[in-house]
Amino acid sequence: METTMNCPECQSEYTYQDGALWMCPECAHEWVPGAEATINDGVLDANGNILVDGDSVVVIKDLKVKGSKQAIKQGTKVKSIRLVEDSGDGHNIDCKIDGFGAMKLKSEFVKKN
């Protein structure tokens, strides 16, 4: 017996599972059952993994820091991130980085650790 799940967006019963994701052909919504965030409204890392508050991430490329001669190097580990609303500049992660202090990052430049 195959289990089905109604779409959380449109309540359609015509959903299907593709790996760990559930998909709705009627509204194109994609979600992971039990996850706080969904693919359509969640924050994703560079590899497409869903990020949540408290995750640890790794920077995937050297990032220049405005007002500093130093750059954040590829491979830098960042612990306990906090997701914030994107204010239009693409920065949606608040964090503290050793040697730099508090700053904002774009989720497209990190991967989940």
Protein backbone atom coordinates (compact mmCIF):
# COMPACT_ATOMS: atom_id res chain seq x y z
CA MET A 1 0.00 0.00 0.00
CA GLU A 2 1.44 3.35 -1.07
CA THR A 3 1.07 6.30 1.31
CA THR A 4 0.13 9.69 -0.08
CA MET A 5 0.22 13.15 1.33
CA ASN A 6 -1.85 16.23 0.47
CA CYS A 7 0.01 19.33 -0.71
CA PRO A 8 0.47 21.80 2.19
CA GLU A 9 0.00 24.75 -0.21
CA CYS A 10 -3.08 23.86 -2.27
CA GLN A 11 -4.28 20.69 -0.48
CA SER A 12 -4.20 18.72 -3.74
CA GLU A 13 -4.30 14.95 -3.32
CA TYR A 14 -2.31 14.38 -6.53
CA THR A 15 1.16 14.58 -4.99
CA TYR A 16 4.06 12.24 -5.58
CA GLN A 17 7.38 11.45 -3.97
CA ASP A 18 10.72 11.97 -5.72
CA GLY A 19 13.49 10.78 -3.43
CA ALA A 20 13.20 12.71 -0.17
CA LEU A 21 11.04 15.43 -1.75
CA TRP A 22 7.30 15.46 -2.20
CA MET A 23 5.97 17.35 -5.24
CA CYS A 24 2.63 18.76 -6.29
CA PRO A 25 1.92 18.80 -10.04
CA GLU A 26 -0.91 21.29 -9.62
CA CYS A 27 0.91 24.17 -7.88
CA ALA A 28 4.57 23.06 -8.36
CA HIS A 29 5.19 23.15 -4.61
CA GLU A 30 8.08 20.99 -3.32
CA TRP A 31 8.63 20.05 0.32
CA VAL A 32 10.38 17.70 2.70
CA PRO A 33 7.94 16.16 5.21
CA GLY A 34 8.76 17.23 8.76
CA ALA A 35 11.17 20.00 7.71
CA GLU A 36 10.51 23.50 9.02
CA ALA A 37 11.32 25.17 5.71
CA THR A 38 10.18 24.23 2.23
CA ILE A 39 12.06 24.42 -1.05
CA ASN A 40 9.91 27.31 -2.29
CA ASP A 41 10.18 29.53 0.79
CA GLY A 42 13.21 28.15 2.64
CA VAL A 43 16.84 29.19 2.56
CA LEU A 44 19.02 26.87 0.52
CA ASP A 45 22.80 26.51 0.52
CA ALA A 46 24.94 26.28 -2.63
CA ASN A 47 24.16 22.55 -2.93
CA GLY A 48 20.39 22.95 -2.52
CA ASN A 49 20.24 21.75 1.11
CA ILE A 50 17.73 23.43 3.39
CA LEU A 51 19.34 25.64 6.05
CA VAL A 52 17.80 26.21 9.47
CA ASP A 53 18.78 28.34 12.47
CA GLY A 54 21.70 26.87 14.38
CA ASP A 55 23.27 25.02 11.43
CA SER A 56 27.00 25.03 10.82
CA VAL A 57 28.19 25.94 7.33
CA VAL A 58 31.43 26.19 5.37
CA VAL A 59 32.29 29.08 3.02
CA ILE A 60 32.78 27.72 -0.52
CA LYS A 61 34.82 30.59 -2.03
CA ASP A 62 36.99 33.48 -0.90
CA LEU A 63 34.76 36.43 0.02
CA LYS A 64 35.97 40.02 0.09
CA VAL A 65 34.90 41.96 3.16
CA LYS A 66 33.94 45.57 2.60
CA GLY A 67 36.24 47.86 4.62
CA SER A 68 38.81 45.17 5.34
CA LYS A 69 42.02 44.13 3.64
CA GLN A 70 41.40 40.52 4.66
CA ALA A 71 39.04 38.15 2.89
CA ILE A 72 37.06 35.29 4.35
CA LYS A 73 38.90 32.27 2.99
CA GLN A 74 37.30 29.28 1.31
CA GLY A 75 36.79 26.50 3.85
CA THR A 76 36.11 28.83 6.79
CA LYS A 77 33.69 27.14 9.19
CA VAL A 78 30.81 29.17 10.57
CA LYS A 79 28.86 27.81 13.55
CA SER A 80 25.34 28.59 14.76
CA ILE A 81 24.01 30.63 11.85
CA ARG A 82 20.79 32.59 12.14
CA LEU A 83 18.50 33.01 9.15
CA VAL A 84 17.15 36.51 8.56
CA GLU A 85 14.78 38.11 6.07
CA ASP A 86 16.57 39.13 2.87
CA SER A 87 16.53 42.95 2.80
CA GLY A 88 17.04 43.13 -0.95
CA ASP A 89 20.82 42.73 -1.02
CA GLY A 90 20.79 38.91 -0.94
CA HIS A 91 22.31 38.59 2.55
CA ASN A 92 20.08 36.15 4.43
CA ILE A 93 22.41 34.67 7.09
CA ASP A 94 23.56 36.40 10.29
CA CYS A 95 26.64 34.90 11.91
CA LYS A 96 29.86 35.51 13.80
CA ILE A 97 33.13 34.59 12.13
CA ASP A 98 36.33 34.24 14.14
CA GLY A 99 38.65 37.13 13.28
CA PHE A 100 35.88 39.18 11.64
CA GLY A 101 33.04 39.39 14.16
CA ALA A 102 29.34 39.68 13.37
CA MET A 103 28.40 39.83 9.70
CA LYS A 104 25.88 38.79 7.09
CA LEU A 105 26.44 36.20 4.36
CA LYS A 106 24.60 35.09 1.28
CA SER A 107 23.42 31.50 1.43
CA GLU A 108 24.66 30.87 -2.14
CA PHE A 109 28.27 31.10 -0.89
CA VAL A 110 28.01 28.48 1.87
CA LYS A 111 27.36 24.76 2.12
CA LYS A 112 25.89 22.88 5.04
CA ASN A 113 28.52 21.23 7.21
